[in-house]
């Protein structure tokens, strides 16, 4: 990455450096398995562990507040 940053410093125009950090999606929102009314505790815990999701409320909980 250092060559990209050095080139950007020397540029007289705006620069965008596109960097791929991980080859995984952070969280597949179309597959959220967090609602205890629809999924078992085991399914929810497996999802949270797989995607490293902690303290994420279900949307219904947010809307109630």
PDB file of N, CA and C in Angstrom:
ATOM      1  N   UNK A   1       0.822  -1.195   0.000  1.00  0.00           N
ATOM      2  CA  UNK A   1       0.000   0.000   0.000  1.00  0.00           C
ATOM      3  C   UNK A   1       0.862   1.252   0.000  1.00  0.00           C
ATOM      4  N   UNK A   2       2.065   1.124   0.485  1.00  0.00           N
ATOM      5  CA  UNK A   2       2.921   2.303   0.574  1.00  0.00           C
ATOM      6  C   UNK A   2       3.126   2.990  -0.781  1.00  0.00           C
ATOM      7  N   UNK A   3       3.369   2.247  -1.886  1.00  0.00           N
ATOM      8  CA  UNK A   3       3.513   2.912  -3.177  1.00  0.00           C
ATOM      9  C   UNK A   3       2.265   3.708  -3.584  1.00  0.00           C
ATOM     10  N   UNK A   4       1.087   3.191  -3.251  1.00  0.00           N
ATOM     11  CA  UNK A   4      -0.148   3.899  -3.583  1.00  0.00           C
ATOM     12  C   UNK A   4      -0.248   5.208  -2.805  1.00  0.00           C
ATOM     13  N   UNK A   5       0.119   5.183  -1.528  1.00  0.00           N
ATOM     14  CA  UNK A   5       0.078   6.402  -0.725  1.00  0.00           C
ATOM     15  C   UNK A   5       1.117   7.420  -1.192  1.00  0.00           C
ATOM     16  N   UNK A   6       2.285   6.961  -1.559  1.00  0.00           N
ATOM     17  CA  UNK A   6       3.329   7.869  -2.054  1.00  0.00           C
ATOM     18  C   UNK A   6       2.884   8.529  -3.349  1.00  0.00           C
ATOM     19  N   UNK A   7       2.299   7.751  -4.247  1.00  0.00           N
ATOM     20  CA  UNK A   7       1.800   8.316  -5.505  1.00  0.00           C
ATOM     21  C   UNK A   7       0.681   9.318  -5.246  1.00  0.00           C
ATOM     22  N   UNK A   8      -0.183   9.016  -4.283  1.00  0.00           N
ATOM     23  CA  UNK A   8      -1.281   9.926  -3.948  1.00  0.00           C
ATOM     24  C   UNK A   8      -0.750  11.245  -3.402  1.00  0.00           C
ATOM     25  N   UNK A   9       0.279  11.192  -2.600  1.00  0.00           N
ATOM     26  CA  UNK A   9       0.874  12.422  -2.050  1.00  0.00           C
ATOM     27  C   UNK A   9       1.405  13.329  -3.145  1.00  0.00           C
ATOM     28  N   UNK A  10       1.940  12.715  -4.188  1.00  0.00           N
ATOM     29  CA  UNK A  10       2.559  13.494  -5.279  1.00  0.00           C
ATOM     30  C   UNK A  10       1.541  13.992  -6.300  1.00  0.00           C
ATOM     31  N   UNK A  11       0.348  13.475  -6.254  1.00  0.00           N
ATOM     32  CA  UNK A  11      -0.663  13.834  -7.241  1.00  0.00           C
ATOM     33  C   UNK A  11      -1.161  15.263  -7.027  1.00  0.00           C
ATOM     34  N   UNK A  12      -1.437  15.928  -8.121  1.00  0.00           N
ATOM     35  CA  UNK A  12      -2.001  17.275  -8.056  1.00  0.00           C
ATOM     36  C   UNK A  12      -3.527  17.239  -8.161  1.00  0.00           C
ATOM     37  N   UNK A  13      -4.068  16.042  -8.271  1.00  0.00           N
ATOM     38  CA  UNK A  13      -5.513  15.856  -8.393  1.00  0.00           C
ATOM     39  C   UNK A  13      -6.013  14.997  -7.230  1.00  0.00           C
ATOM     40  N   UNK A  14      -7.312  15.017  -6.967  1.00  0.00           N
ATOM     41  CA  UNK A  14      -7.861  14.140  -5.934  1.00  0.00           C
ATOM     42  C   UNK A  14      -7.599  12.673  -6.280  1.00  0.00           C
ATOM     43  N   UNK A  15      -7.391  11.870  -5.266  1.00  0.00           N
ATOM     44  CA  UNK A  15      -7.050  10.459  -5.456  1.00  0.00           C
ATOM     45  C   UNK A  15      -7.959   9.595  -4.594  1.00  0.00           C
ATOM     46  N   UNK A  16      -8.384   8.485  -5.165  1.00  0.00           N
ATOM     47  CA  UNK A  16      -9.131   7.475  -4.423  1.00  0.00           C
ATOM     48  C   UNK A  16      -8.287   6.212  -4.423  1.00  0.00           C
ATOM     49  N   UNK A  17      -8.050   5.663  -3.246  1.00  0.00           N
ATOM     50  CA  UNK A  17      -7.318   4.406  -3.126  1.00  0.00           C
ATOM     51  C   UNK A  17      -8.323   3.362  -2.667  1.00  0.00           C
ATOM     52  N   UNK A  18      -8.617   2.418  -3.546  1.00  0.00           N
ATOM     53  CA  UNK A  18      -9.601   1.375  -3.270  1.00  0.00           C
ATOM     54  C   UNK A  18      -8.873   0.166  -2.698  1.00  0.00           C
ATOM     55  N   UNK A  19      -9.196  -0.169  -1.447  1.00  0.00           N
ATOM     56  CA  UNK A  19      -8.502  -1.261  -0.760  1.00  0.00           C
ATOM     57  C   UNK A  19      -9.522  -2.308  -0.320  1.00  0.00           C
ATOM     58  N   UNK A  20      -9.281  -3.561  -0.692  1.00  0.00           N
ATOM     59  CA  UNK A  20     -10.138  -4.654  -0.244  1.00  0.00           C
ATOM     60  C   UNK A  20      -9.559  -5.183   1.064  1.00  0.00           C
ATOM     61  N   UNK A  21     -10.301  -5.044   2.142  1.00  0.00           N
ATOM     62  CA  UNK A  21      -9.817  -5.416   3.469  1.00  0.00           C
ATOM     63  C   UNK A  21     -10.010  -6.906   3.721  1.00  0.00           C
ATOM     64  N   UNK A  22     -11.230  -7.393   3.532  1.00  0.00           N
ATOM     65  CA  UNK A  22     -11.546  -8.807   3.747  1.00  0.00           C
ATOM     66  C   UNK A  22     -12.332  -9.317   2.557  1.00  0.00           C
ATOM     67  N   UNK A  23     -12.237 -10.571   2.323  1.00  0.00           N
ATOM     68  CA  UNK A  23     -12.967 -11.172   1.213  1.00  0.00           C
ATOM     69  C   UNK A  23     -14.297 -11.752   1.691  1.00  0.00           C
ATOM     70  N   UNK A  24     -14.891 -11.115   2.700  1.00  0.00           N
ATOM     71  CA  UNK A  24     -16.180 -11.560   3.213  1.00  0.00           C
ATOM     72  C   UNK A  24     -17.066 -10.345   3.437  1.00  0.00           C
ATOM     73  N   UNK A  25     -18.349 -10.571   3.349  1.00  0.00           N
ATOM     74  CA  UNK A  25     -19.296  -9.508   3.674  1.00  0.00           C
ATOM     75  C   UNK A  25     -19.389  -9.416   5.185  1.00  0.00           C
ATOM     76  N   UNK A  26     -19.472  -8.225   5.734  1.00  0.00           N
ATOM     77  CA  UNK A  26     -19.517  -8.101   7.186  1.00  0.00           C
ATOM     78  C   UNK A  26     -20.761  -8.724   7.811  1.00  0.00           C
ATOM     79  N   UNK A  27     -21.895  -8.576   7.150  1.00  0.00           N
ATOM     80  CA  UNK A  27     -23.132  -9.103   7.722  1.00  0.00           C
ATOM     81  C   UNK A  27     -24.170  -9.237   6.614  1.00  0.00           C
ATOM     82  N   UNK A  28     -24.616 -10.458   6.309  1.00  0.00           N
ATOM     83  CA  UNK A  28     -25.626 -10.635   5.257  1.00  0.00           C
ATOM     84  C   UNK A  28     -27.009 -10.239   5.770  1.00  0.00           C
ATOM     85  N   UNK A  29     -27.398  -9.003   5.556  1.00  0.00           N
ATOM     86  CA  UNK A  29     -28.644  -8.503   6.144  1.00  0.00           C
ATOM     87  C   UNK A  29     -29.877  -9.238   5.650  1.00  0.00           C
ATOM     88  N   UNK A  30     -29.821  -9.806   4.457  1.00  0.00           N
ATOM     89  CA  UNK A  30     -30.992 -10.549   3.968  1.00  0.00           C
ATOM     90  C   UNK A  30     -31.159 -11.882   4.698  1.00  0.00           C
ATOM     91  N   UNK A  31     -30.179 -12.272   5.485  1.00  0.00           N
ATOM     92  CA  UNK A  31     -30.240 -13.537   6.221  1.00  0.00           C
ATOM     93  C   UNK A  31     -30.144 -13.326   7.734  1.00  0.00           C
ATOM     94  N   UNK A  32     -30.584 -12.186   8.221  1.00  0.00           N
ATOM     95  CA  UNK A  32     -30.511 -11.927   9.658  1.00  0.00           C
ATOM     96  C   UNK A  32     -31.303 -12.969  10.440  1.00  0.00           C
ATOM     97  N   UNK A  33     -30.632 -13.605  11.357  1.00  0.00           N
ATOM     98  CA  UNK A  33     -31.253 -14.634  12.186  1.00  0.00           C
ATOM     99  C   UNK A  33     -31.137 -14.158  13.633  1.00  0.00           C
ATOM    100  N   UNK A  34     -31.976 -13.201  13.994  1.00  0.00           N
ATOM    101  CA  UNK A  34     -31.882 -12.627  15.332  1.00  0.00           C
ATOM    102  C   UNK A  34     -33.223 -12.556  16.061  1.00  0.00           C
ATOM    103  N   UNK A  35     -34.307 -12.729  15.351  1.00  0.00           N
ATOM    104  CA  UNK A  35     -35.623 -12.576  15.960  1.00  0.00           C
ATOM    105  C   UNK A  35     -36.018 -13.851  16.708  1.00  0.00           C
ATOM    106  N   UNK A  36     -36.126 -13.790  18.052  1.00  0.00           N
ATOM    107  CA  UNK A  36     -36.468 -14.985  18.822  1.00  0.00           C
ATOM    108  C   UNK A  36     -37.878 -15.514  18.554  1.00  0.00           C
ATOM    109  N   UNK A  37     -38.725 -14.716  17.915  1.00  0.00           N
ATOM    110  CA  UNK A  37     -40.060 -15.196  17.551  1.00  0.00           C
ATOM    111  C   UNK A  37     -40.013 -16.086  16.312  1.00  0.00           C
ATOM    112  N   UNK A  38     -38.906 -16.025  15.573  1.00  0.00           N
ATOM    113  CA  UNK A  38     -38.802 -16.789  14.326  1.00  0.00           C
ATOM    114  C   UNK A  38     -37.693 -17.836  14.354  1.00  0.00           C
ATOM    115  N   UNK A  39     -36.703 -17.665  15.245  1.00  0.00           N
ATOM    116  CA  UNK A  39     -35.548 -18.554  15.252  1.00  0.00           C
ATOM    117  C   UNK A  39     -35.279 -19.049  16.670  1.00  0.00           C
ATOM    118  N   UNK A  40     -34.682 -20.224  16.742  1.00  0.00           N
ATOM    119  CA  UNK A  40     -34.364 -20.794  18.053  1.00  0.00           C
ATOM    120  C   UNK A  40     -33.143 -20.089  18.646  1.00  0.00           C
ATOM    121  N   UNK A  41     -32.971 -20.276  19.946  1.00  0.00           N
ATOM    122  CA  UNK A  41     -31.816 -19.683  20.618  1.00  0.00           C
ATOM    123  C   UNK A  41     -30.510 -20.210  20.021  1.00  0.00           C
ATOM    124  N   UNK A  42     -30.490 -21.504  19.676  1.00  0.00           N
ATOM    125  CA  UNK A  42     -29.284 -22.085  19.057  1.00  0.00           C
ATOM    126  C   UNK A  42     -28.976 -21.450  17.710  1.00  0.00           C
ATOM    127  N   UNK A  43     -30.015 -21.226  16.887  1.00  0.00           N
ATOM    128  CA  UNK A  43     -29.815 -20.589  15.578  1.00  0.00           C
ATOM    129  C   UNK A  43     -29.295 -19.166  15.744  1.00  0.00           C
ATOM    130  N   UNK A  44     -29.869 -18.449  16.686  1.00  0.00           N
ATOM    131  CA  UNK A  44     -29.448 -17.065  16.935  1.00  0.00           C
ATOM    132  C   UNK A  44     -28.004 -17.029  17.425  1.00  0.00           C
ATOM    133  N   UNK A  45     -27.656 -17.897  18.369  1.00  0.00           N
ATOM    134  CA  UNK A  45     -26.289 -17.924  18.889  1.00  0.00           C
ATOM    135  C   UNK A  45     -25.279 -18.324  17.816  1.00  0.00           C
ATOM    136  N   UNK A  46     -25.642 -19.284  16.951  1.00  0.00           N
ATOM    137  CA  UNK A  46     -24.747 -19.698  15.867  1.00  0.00           C
ATOM    138  C   UNK A  46     -24.511 -18.536  14.895  1.00  0.00           C
ATOM    139  N   UNK A  47     -25.572 -17.794  14.591  1.00  0.00           N
ATOM    140  CA  UNK A  47     -25.453 -16.636  13.702  1.00  0.00           C
ATOM    141  C   UNK A  47     -24.543 -15.575  14.312  1.00  0.00           C
ATOM    142  N   UNK A  48     -24.770 -15.262  15.584  1.00  0.00           N
ATOM    143  CA  UNK A  48     -23.970 -14.246  16.263  1.00  0.00           C
ATOM    144  C   UNK A  48     -22.495 -14.636  16.305  1.00  0.00           C
ATOM    145  N   UNK A  49     -22.230 -15.899  16.551  1.00  0.00           N
ATOM    146  CA  UNK A  49     -20.838 -16.351  16.601  1.00  0.00           C
ATOM    147  C   UNK A  49     -20.193 -16.292  15.210  1.00  0.00           C
ATOM    148  N   UNK A  50     -20.912 -16.766  14.202  1.00  0.00           N
ATOM    149  CA  UNK A  50     -20.362 -16.796  12.840  1.00  0.00           C
ATOM    150  C   UNK A  50     -20.020 -15.394  12.339  1.00  0.00           C
ATOM    151  N   UNK A  51     -20.917 -14.433  12.581  1.00  0.00           N
ATOM    152  CA  UNK A  51     -20.729 -13.082  12.052  1.00  0.00           C
ATOM    153  C   UNK A  51     -20.223 -12.088  13.092  1.00  0.00           C
ATOM    154  N   UNK A  52     -19.842 -12.587  14.255  1.00  0.00           N
ATOM    155  CA  UNK A  52     -19.301 -11.748  15.326  1.00  0.00           C
ATOM    156  C   UNK A  52     -20.225 -10.574  15.623  1.00  0.00           C
ATOM    157  N   UNK A  53     -21.491 -10.885  15.793  1.00  0.00           N
ATOM    158  CA  UNK A  53     -22.520  -9.882  16.080  1.00  0.00           C
ATOM    159  C   UNK A  53     -22.771  -9.887  17.586  1.00  0.00           C
ATOM    160  N   UNK A  54     -22.564  -8.762  18.214  1.00  0.00           N
ATOM    161  CA  UNK A  54     -22.771  -8.668  19.656  1.00  0.00           C
ATOM    162  C   UNK A  54     -23.631  -7.446  19.954  1.00  0.00           C
ATOM    163  N   UNK A  55     -24.558  -7.608  20.865  1.00  0.00           N
ATOM    164  CA  UNK A  55     -25.416  -6.500  21.313  1.00  0.00           C
ATOM    165  C   UNK A  55     -26.182  -5.851  20.172  1.00  0.00           C
ATOM    166  N   UNK A  56     -26.633  -6.649  19.216  1.00  0.00           N
ATOM    167  CA  UNK A  56     -27.413  -6.109  18.103  1.00  0.00           C
ATOM    168  C   UNK A  56     -28.882  -6.426  18.346  1.00  0.00           C
ATOM    169  N   UNK A  57     -29.690  -5.401  18.604  1.00  0.00           N
ATOM    170  CA  UNK A  57     -31.107  -5.661  18.877  1.00  0.00           C
ATOM    171  C   UNK A  57     -31.864  -6.003  17.594  1.00  0.00           C
ATOM    172  N   UNK A  58     -32.987  -6.660  17.745  1.00  0.00           N
ATOM    173  CA  UNK A  58     -33.886  -6.923  16.631  1.00  0.00           C
ATOM    174  C   UNK A  58     -34.567  -5.603  16.278  1.00  0.00           C
ATOM    175  N   UNK A  59     -34.850  -5.386  14.999  1.00  0.00           N
ATOM    176  CA  UNK A  59     -35.457  -4.127  14.555  1.00  0.00           C
ATOM    177  C   UNK A  59     -36.744  -3.825  15.312  1.00  0.00           C
ATOM    178  N   UNK A  60     -37.540  -4.846  15.602  1.00  0.00           N
ATOM    179  CA  UNK A  60     -38.776  -4.615  16.361  1.00  0.00           C
ATOM    180  C   UNK A  60     -38.502  -3.991  17.710  1.00  0.00           C
ATOM    181  N   UNK A  61     -37.398  -4.403  18.341  1.00  0.00           N
ATOM    182  CA  UNK A  61     -37.038  -3.829  19.643  1.00  0.00           C
ATOM    183  C   UNK A  61     -36.700  -2.345  19.499  1.00  0.00           C
ATOM    184  N   UNK A  62     -36.000  -2.000  18.448  1.00  0.00           N
ATOM    185  CA  UNK A  62     -35.654  -0.585  18.227  1.00  0.00           C
ATOM    186  C   UNK A  62     -36.893   0.246  17.951  1.00  0.00           C
ATOM    187  N   UNK A  63     -37.822  -0.297  17.193  1.00  0.00           N
ATOM    188  CA  UNK A  63     -39.035   0.450  16.859  1.00  0.00           C
ATOM    189  C   UNK A  63     -39.939   0.644  18.069  1.00  0.00           C
ATOM    190  N   UNK A  64     -39.905  -0.298  19.021  1.00  0.00           N
ATOM    191  CA  UNK A  64     -40.712  -0.162  20.235  1.00  0.00           C
ATOM    192  C   UNK A  64     -40.230   0.994  21.097  1.00  0.00           C
ATOM    193  N   UNK A  65     -38.923   1.241  21.065  1.00  0.00           N
ATOM    194  CA  UNK A  65     -38.346   2.312  21.886  1.00  0.00           C
ATOM    195  C   UNK A  65     -38.602   3.610  21.187  1.00  0.00           C
TER     196      UNK A  65
END
